[in-house]
Amino acid sequence: MSRNQKILFGLLAVVTIMIAGVAPSMLEKRELADDPQLLGAGIILLQQGRPMPALEMLDEAGQPVRLDQLKNHWSLLFFGYTFCPDICPTTLAQLRNLRAQLPVVAAQRLQVYLVSVDPARDTPERLKQYLNYFDKSFKGLSGQPQVLAKFSEAVSIPFVPPDTTKPNYTVQHSGNLALVGPDGRLRGFIRAPFDSQKLKAVLPALLRRD
């Protein structure tokens, strides 16, 4: 990605994060499913779903993962990073507590991924160590900046590529979650901030779907 492309991508992401706060608001209404109960819990589903990109990243064990092969369970994708001072640890703690409150069968159908928006610092080893503080079942994904940018665009979860030359830099990113179904397609989003009680009430039924 050229310098001009980075600047353009960054500006677009800033506008999206600041104005909308959530990428789903950019979707056309006709693409969305209308489920009042789920909407009340902050869950926005797509009517048809979208194919995931045929990209490859590394998991927290350093093993390659095809993003279009996240199948056979529901996946929650949170775009964040391990040096994040606030939103990331808060969100991961919420997801840990939420998963612990779900029925066992529902929890087993749910896989949480932290997709690193800080590839310069978040090695697979670093991701594994960080995620273990929250829930050993949580997985991490990291990859080259070009792959990360394509992935972010494909699932409509924006972030601003950071200036890695600055010490202790931070990364601006959305707090929303992308929701991938057992069929490996992008099925929707969960808006931030999260209402854990409402999510706990509606997720078990959603997670039973194929």
C-alpha atoms as a PDB file:
ATOM      1  CA  MET A   1       0.000   0.000   0.000  1.00  0.00           C
ATOM      2  CA  SER A   2       1.476   3.348  -1.058  1.00  0.00           C
ATOM      3  CA  ARG A   3       1.791   6.331   1.287  1.00  0.00           C
ATOM      4  CA  ASN A   4      -1.083   8.124  -0.468  1.00  0.00           C
ATOM      5  CA  GLN A   5      -3.265   5.031  -0.210  1.00  0.00           C
ATOM      6  CA  LYS A   6      -2.493   4.768   3.513  1.00  0.00           C
ATOM      7  CA  ILE A   7      -3.442   8.390   4.035  1.00  0.00           C
ATOM      8  CA  LEU A   8      -6.685   7.953   2.088  1.00  0.00           C
ATOM      9  CA  PHE A   9      -7.564   4.746   3.910  1.00  0.00           C
ATOM     10  CA  GLY A  10      -6.783   6.412   7.224  1.00  0.00           C
ATOM     11  CA  LEU A  11      -8.971   9.428   6.477  1.00  0.00           C
ATOM     12  CA  LEU A  12     -11.869   7.246   5.391  1.00  0.00           C
ATOM     13  CA  ALA A  13     -11.544   5.125   8.503  1.00  0.00           C
ATOM     14  CA  VAL A  14     -11.405   8.177  10.768  1.00  0.00           C
ATOM     15  CA  VAL A  15     -14.570   9.553   9.195  1.00  0.00           C
ATOM     16  CA  THR A  16     -16.296   6.198   9.566  1.00  0.00           C
ATOM     17  CA  ILE A  17     -15.251   5.746  13.193  1.00  0.00           C
ATOM     18  CA  MET A  18     -16.033   9.320  14.229  1.00  0.00           C
ATOM     19  CA  ILE A  19     -19.329   9.807  12.405  1.00  0.00           C
ATOM     20  CA  ALA A  20     -20.861   6.367  12.375  1.00  0.00           C
ATOM     21  CA  GLY A  21     -18.918   4.660  15.134  1.00  0.00           C
ATOM     22  CA  VAL A  22     -19.944   1.445  13.438  1.00  0.00           C
ATOM     23  CA  ALA A  23     -19.390   0.089   9.980  1.00  0.00           C
ATOM     24  CA  PRO A  24     -22.856  -1.554   9.734  1.00  0.00           C
ATOM     25  CA  SER A  25     -24.477   1.874   9.443  1.00  0.00           C
ATOM     26  CA  MET A  26     -22.775   2.177   6.047  1.00  0.00           C
ATOM     27  CA  LEU A  27     -24.652  -0.853   4.700  1.00  0.00           C
ATOM     28  CA  GLU A  28     -27.709  -0.478   2.519  1.00  0.00           C
ATOM     29  CA  LYS A  29     -30.923  -1.152   4.418  1.00  0.00           C
ATOM     30  CA  ARG A  30     -32.040  -3.731   1.873  1.00  0.00           C
ATOM     31  CA  GLU A  31     -29.001  -5.824   2.802  1.00  0.00           C
ATOM     32  CA  LEU A  32     -30.058  -6.101   6.442  1.00  0.00           C
ATOM     33  CA  ALA A  33     -32.399  -8.549   8.121  1.00  0.00           C
ATOM     34  CA  ASP A  34     -35.144  -7.101  10.326  1.00  0.00           C
ATOM     35  CA  ASP A  35     -35.211  -8.839  13.719  1.00  0.00           C
ATOM     36  CA  PRO A  36     -36.338  -6.475  16.509  1.00  0.00           C
ATOM     37  CA  GLN A  37     -35.166  -8.761  19.319  1.00  0.00           C
ATOM     38  CA  LEU A  38     -31.664  -9.053  17.906  1.00  0.00           C
ATOM     39  CA  LEU A  39     -31.530  -5.366  17.020  1.00  0.00           C
ATOM     40  CA  GLY A  40     -32.435  -4.543  20.612  1.00  0.00           C
ATOM     41  CA  ALA A  41     -29.328  -6.434  21.716  1.00  0.00           C
ATOM     42  CA  GLY A  42     -27.147  -4.627  19.172  1.00  0.00           C
ATOM     43  CA  ILE A  43     -26.979  -7.532  16.725  1.00  0.00           C
ATOM     44  CA  ILE A  44     -27.361  -6.621  13.046  1.00  0.00           C
ATOM     45  CA  LEU A  45     -27.760  -9.538  10.644  1.00  0.00           C
ATOM     46  CA  LEU A  46     -27.354  -9.558   6.881  1.00  0.00           C
ATOM     47  CA  GLN A  47     -30.128 -11.158   4.853  1.00  0.00           C
ATOM     48  CA  GLN A  48     -27.859 -13.224   2.639  1.00  0.00           C
ATOM     49  CA  GLY A  49     -24.451 -12.991   4.242  1.00  0.00           C
ATOM     50  CA  ARG A  50     -21.248 -12.223   2.395  1.00  0.00           C
ATOM     51  CA  PRO A  51     -18.412 -14.508   1.335  1.00  0.00           C
ATOM     52  CA  MET A  52     -15.274 -14.070   3.397  1.00  0.00           C
ATOM     53  CA  PRO A  53     -12.106 -13.083   1.516  1.00  0.00           C
ATOM     54  CA  ALA A  54      -9.693 -15.785   0.373  1.00  0.00           C
ATOM     55  CA  LEU A  55      -6.877 -14.386   2.505  1.00  0.00           C
ATOM     56  CA  GLU A  56      -4.456 -16.065   4.874  1.00  0.00           C
ATOM     57  CA  MET A  57      -3.289 -14.925   8.303  1.00  0.00           C
ATOM     58  CA  LEU A  58      -1.464 -16.547  11.216  1.00  0.00           C
ATOM     59  CA  ASP A  59      -3.174 -17.665  14.397  1.00  0.00           C
ATOM     60  CA  GLU A  60      -1.782 -17.301  17.921  1.00  0.00           C
ATOM     61  CA  ALA A  61       0.182 -20.539  17.450  1.00  0.00           C
ATOM     62  CA  GLY A  62       1.819 -19.256  14.264  1.00  0.00           C
ATOM     63  CA  GLN A  63      -0.261 -21.556  12.065  1.00  0.00           C
ATOM     64  CA  PRO A  64      -1.791 -20.312   8.770  1.00  0.00           C
ATOM     65  CA  VAL A  65      -5.539 -19.716   8.774  1.00  0.00           C
ATOM     66  CA  ARG A  66      -7.647 -19.230   5.646  1.00  0.00           C
ATOM     67  CA  LEU A  67     -10.205 -16.546   6.408  1.00  0.00           C
ATOM     68  CA  ASP A  68     -12.757 -18.136   4.091  1.00  0.00           C
ATOM     69  CA  GLN A  69     -12.491 -21.367   6.093  1.00  0.00           C
ATOM     70  CA  LEU A  70     -13.796 -20.132   9.459  1.00  0.00           C
ATOM     71  CA  LYS A  71     -16.579 -22.711   9.458  1.00  0.00           C
ATOM     72  CA  ASN A  72     -18.539 -25.168  11.612  1.00  0.00           C
ATOM     73  CA  HIS A  73     -19.047 -22.670  14.446  1.00  0.00           C
ATOM     74  CA  TRP A  74     -19.987 -19.027  14.950  1.00  0.00           C
ATOM     75  CA  SER A  75     -17.034 -16.644  15.037  1.00  0.00           C
ATOM     76  CA  LEU A  76     -16.836 -13.206  16.637  1.00  0.00           C
ATOM     77  CA  LEU A  77     -14.080 -11.076  15.125  1.00  0.00           C
ATOM     78  CA  PHE A  78     -12.817  -8.179  17.220  1.00  0.00           C
ATOM     79  CA  PHE A  79     -10.283  -5.899  15.533  1.00  0.00           C
ATOM     80  CA  GLY A  80      -7.936  -4.643  18.243  1.00  0.00           C
ATOM     81  CA  TYR A  81      -4.388  -4.961  19.539  1.00  0.00           C
ATOM     82  CA  THR A  82      -2.493  -6.060  22.633  1.00  0.00           C
ATOM     83  CA  PHE A  83      -1.009  -2.638  23.480  1.00  0.00           C
ATOM     84  CA  CYS A  84      -4.472  -1.043  23.467  1.00  0.00           C
ATOM     85  CA  PRO A  85      -4.933   0.968  26.689  1.00  0.00           C
ATOM     86  CA  ASP A  86      -8.702   0.765  27.092  1.00  0.00           C
ATOM     87  CA  ILE A  87     -11.277  -0.574  24.619  1.00  0.00           C
ATOM     88  CA  CYS A  88      -9.515  -3.865  23.878  1.00  0.00           C
ATOM     89  CA  PRO A  89      -9.042  -5.218  27.412  1.00  0.00           C
ATOM     90  CA  THR A  90     -12.533  -4.024  28.318  1.00  0.00           C
ATOM     91  CA  THR A  91     -14.113  -5.738  25.305  1.00  0.00           C
ATOM     92  CA  LEU A  92     -12.215  -8.994  25.781  1.00  0.00           C
ATOM     93  CA  ALA A  93     -13.170  -9.083  29.456  1.00  0.00           C
ATOM     94  CA  GLN A  94     -16.820  -8.547  28.480  1.00  0.00           C
ATOM     95  CA  LEU A  95     -16.631 -11.354  25.934  1.00  0.00           C
ATOM     96  CA  ARG A  96     -14.994 -13.669  28.482  1.00  0.00           C
ATOM     97  CA  ASN A  97     -17.734 -12.998  31.013  1.00  0.00           C
ATOM     98  CA  LEU A  98     -20.480 -13.279  28.391  1.00  0.00           C
ATOM     99  CA  ARG A  99     -19.184 -16.598  27.093  1.00  0.00           C
ATOM    100  CA  ALA A 100     -18.964 -17.940  30.647  1.00  0.00           C
ATOM    101  CA  GLN A 101     -22.664 -17.132  31.191  1.00  0.00           C
ATOM    102  CA  LEU A 102     -23.886 -18.887  28.052  1.00  0.00           C
ATOM    103  CA  PRO A 103     -25.205 -22.456  28.150  1.00  0.00           C
ATOM    104  CA  VAL A 104     -22.395 -24.936  27.534  1.00  0.00           C
ATOM    105  CA  VAL A 105     -23.678 -25.962  24.105  1.00  0.00           C
ATOM    106  CA  ALA A 106     -23.961 -22.320  22.999  1.00  0.00           C
ATOM    107  CA  ALA A 107     -20.497 -21.455  24.314  1.00  0.00           C
ATOM    108  CA  GLN A 108     -19.030 -24.377  22.395  1.00  0.00           C
ATOM    109  CA  ARG A 109     -20.552 -22.993  19.198  1.00  0.00           C
ATOM    110  CA  LEU A 110     -18.844 -19.614  19.682  1.00  0.00           C
ATOM    111  CA  GLN A 111     -15.227 -18.800  18.795  1.00  0.00           C
ATOM    112  CA  VAL A 112     -13.782 -15.392  19.663  1.00  0.00           C
ATOM    113  CA  TYR A 113     -10.929 -13.994  17.549  1.00  0.00           C
ATOM    114  CA  LEU A 114      -8.780 -10.939  18.206  1.00  0.00           C
ATOM    115  CA  VAL A 115      -7.675  -9.655  14.794  1.00  0.00           C
ATOM    116  CA  SER A 116      -4.588  -7.534  15.400  1.00  0.00           C
ATOM    117  CA  VAL A 117      -4.554  -4.065  13.842  1.00  0.00           C
ATOM    118  CA  ASP A 118      -0.955  -3.692  15.054  1.00  0.00           C
ATOM    119  CA  PRO A 119       1.045  -6.215  13.003  1.00  0.00           C
ATOM    120  CA  ALA A 120       4.325  -4.434  13.783  1.00  0.00           C
ATOM    121  CA  ARG A 121       4.139  -5.417  17.449  1.00  0.00           C
ATOM    122  CA  ASP A 122       1.592  -8.228  17.723  1.00  0.00           C
ATOM    123  CA  THR A 123       3.448 -11.420  16.970  1.00  0.00           C
ATOM    124  CA  PRO A 124       1.576 -14.728  17.337  1.00  0.00           C
ATOM    125  CA  GLU A 125       3.458 -15.313  20.591  1.00  0.00           C
ATOM    126  CA  ARG A 126       2.422 -11.923  21.922  1.00  0.00           C
ATOM    127  CA  LEU A 127      -1.209 -12.560  20.964  1.00  0.00           C
ATOM    128  CA  LYS A 128      -1.256 -15.946  22.673  1.00  0.00           C
ATOM    129  CA  GLN A 129       0.205 -14.572  25.887  1.00  0.00           C
ATOM    130  CA  TYR A 130      -2.230 -11.667  25.900  1.00  0.00           C
ATOM    131  CA  LEU A 131      -5.339 -13.719  25.127  1.00  0.00           C
ATOM    132  CA  ASN A 132      -4.511 -16.261  27.821  1.00  0.00           C
ATOM    133  CA  TYR A 133      -5.103 -13.531  30.391  1.00  0.00           C
ATOM    134  CA  PHE A 134      -8.736 -13.463  29.308  1.00  0.00           C
ATOM    135  CA  ASP A 135      -9.788 -16.882  28.026  1.00  0.00           C
ATOM    136  CA  LYS A 136      -7.562 -19.666  26.789  1.00  0.00           C
ATOM    137  CA  SER A 137     -10.164 -20.514  24.158  1.00  0.00           C
ATOM    138  CA  PHE A 138      -9.801 -17.098  22.477  1.00  0.00           C
ATOM    139  CA  LYS A 139      -7.776 -17.102  19.270  1.00  0.00           C
ATOM    140  CA  GLY A 140      -5.670 -14.423  17.614  1.00  0.00           C
ATOM    141  CA  LEU A 141      -5.079 -13.508  13.983  1.00  0.00           C
ATOM    142  CA  SER A 142      -2.185 -11.445  12.640  1.00  0.00           C
ATOM    143  CA  GLY A 143      -0.893 -10.732   9.163  1.00  0.00           C
ATOM    144  CA  GLN A 144       0.839  -8.364   6.805  1.00  0.00           C
ATOM    145  CA  PRO A 145      -0.572  -4.816   6.606  1.00  0.00           C
ATOM    146  CA  GLN A 146      -1.847  -5.371   3.059  1.00  0.00           C
ATOM    147  CA  VAL A 147      -3.751  -8.489   4.099  1.00  0.00           C
ATOM    148  CA  LEU A 148      -5.113  -6.782   7.189  1.00  0.00           C
ATOM    149  CA  ALA A 149      -6.367  -3.810   5.142  1.00  0.00           C
ATOM    150  CA  LYS A 150      -8.196  -6.116   2.710  1.00  0.00           C
ATOM    151  CA  PHE A 151      -9.701  -8.097   5.564  1.00  0.00           C
ATOM    152  CA  SER A 152     -10.864  -4.942   7.342  1.00  0.00           C
ATOM    153  CA  GLU A 153     -12.546  -3.689   4.189  1.00  0.00           C
ATOM    154  CA  ALA A 154     -14.184  -7.046   3.444  1.00  0.00           C
ATOM    155  CA  VAL A 155     -15.892  -7.253   6.849  1.00  0.00           C
ATOM    156  CA  SER A 156     -16.615  -3.491   7.149  1.00  0.00           C
ATOM    157  CA  ILE A 157     -14.676  -3.049  10.398  1.00  0.00           C
ATOM    158  CA  PRO A 158     -12.439   0.028   9.967  1.00  0.00           C
ATOM    159  CA  PHE A 159      -9.197   1.027  11.643  1.00  0.00           C
ATOM    160  CA  VAL A 160      -6.570   3.701  11.060  1.00  0.00           C
ATOM    161  CA  PRO A 161      -3.093   2.399  10.117  1.00  0.00           C
ATOM    162  CA  PRO A 162      -0.769   3.870  12.780  1.00  0.00           C
ATOM    163  CA  ASP A 163       2.481   5.776  12.441  1.00  0.00           C
ATOM    164  CA  THR A 164       4.787   3.073  13.750  1.00  0.00           C
ATOM    165  CA  THR A 165       7.763   5.448  13.899  1.00  0.00           C
ATOM    166  CA  LYS A 166       6.284   7.144  16.958  1.00  0.00           C
ATOM    167  CA  PRO A 167       7.109   5.617  20.352  1.00  0.00           C
ATOM    168  CA  ASN A 168       4.193   4.037  22.182  1.00  0.00           C
ATOM    169  CA  TYR A 169       1.843   4.701  19.272  1.00  0.00           C
ATOM    170  CA  THR A 170      -1.838   3.836  19.524  1.00  0.00           C
ATOM    171  CA  VAL A 171      -4.220   2.551  16.848  1.00  0.00           C
ATOM    172  CA  GLN A 172      -7.703   3.941  16.228  1.00  0.00           C
ATOM    173  CA  HIS A 173     -10.187   1.187  15.512  1.00  0.00           C
ATOM    174  CA  SER A 174     -13.851   0.291  15.682  1.00  0.00           C
ATOM    175  CA  GLY A 175     -15.211  -1.424  18.761  1.00  0.00           C
ATOM    176  CA  ASN A 176     -17.752  -3.457  16.800  1.00  0.00           C
ATOM    177  CA  LEU A 177     -17.626  -7.187  16.226  1.00  0.00           C
ATOM    178  CA  ALA A 178     -18.012  -8.974  12.900  1.00  0.00           C
ATOM    179  CA  LEU A 179     -20.132 -12.116  13.092  1.00  0.00           C
ATOM    180  CA  VAL A 180     -19.231 -15.098  10.885  1.00  0.00           C
ATOM    181  CA  GLY A 181     -21.609 -18.034  10.636  1.00  0.00           C
ATOM    182  CA  PRO A 182     -20.941 -21.784  10.507  1.00  0.00           C
ATOM    183  CA  ASP A 183     -21.155 -21.536   6.734  1.00  0.00           C
ATOM    184  CA  GLY A 184     -18.049 -19.350   6.718  1.00  0.00           C
ATOM    185  CA  ARG A 185     -19.912 -16.254   5.506  1.00  0.00           C
ATOM    186  CA  LEU A 186     -20.067 -12.848   7.125  1.00  0.00           C
ATOM    187  CA  ARG A 187     -23.514 -12.932   8.716  1.00  0.00           C
ATOM    188  CA  GLY A 188     -23.647  -9.631  10.594  1.00  0.00           C
ATOM    189  CA  PHE A 189     -22.266  -7.424  13.343  1.00  0.00           C
ATOM    190  CA  ILE A 190     -22.594  -6.657  17.039  1.00  0.00           C
ATOM    191  CA  ARG A 191     -22.574  -2.954  17.792  1.00  0.00           C
ATOM    192  CA  ALA A 192     -20.526  -1.437  20.602  1.00  0.00           C
ATOM    193  CA  PRO A 193     -21.048  -0.620  23.405  1.00  0.00           C
ATOM    194  CA  PHE A 194     -22.338  -4.052  24.383  1.00  0.00           C
ATOM    195  CA  ASP A 195     -25.251  -4.884  26.653  1.00  0.00           C
ATOM    196  CA  SER A 196     -24.148  -8.204  28.119  1.00  0.00           C
ATOM    197  CA  GLN A 197     -27.527  -9.021  29.635  1.00  0.00           C
ATOM    198  CA  LYS A 198     -29.379  -8.563  26.362  1.00  0.00           C
ATOM    199  CA  LEU A 199     -26.725 -10.487  24.452  1.00  0.00           C
ATOM    200  CA  LYS A 200     -26.879 -13.343  26.947  1.00  0.00           C
ATOM    201  CA  ALA A 201     -30.626 -13.555  26.356  1.00  0.00           C
ATOM    202  CA  VAL A 202     -30.564 -13.728  22.545  1.00  0.00           C
ATOM    203  CA  LEU A 203     -27.238 -15.374  21.658  1.00  0.00           C
ATOM    204  CA  PRO A 204     -28.161 -19.001  22.548  1.00  0.00           C
ATOM    205  CA  ALA A 205     -30.965 -19.045  19.947  1.00  0.00           C
ATOM    206  CA  LEU A 206     -28.772 -17.366  17.334  1.00  0.00           C
ATOM    207  CA  LEU A 207     -25.902 -19.784  17.945  1.00  0.00           C
ATOM    208  CA  ARG A 208     -28.211 -22.735  17.269  1.00  0.00           C
ATOM    209  CA  ARG A 209     -28.654 -21.545  13.680  1.00  0.00           C
ATOM    210  CA  ASP A 210     -26.571 -22.938  10.802  1.00  0.00           C
END
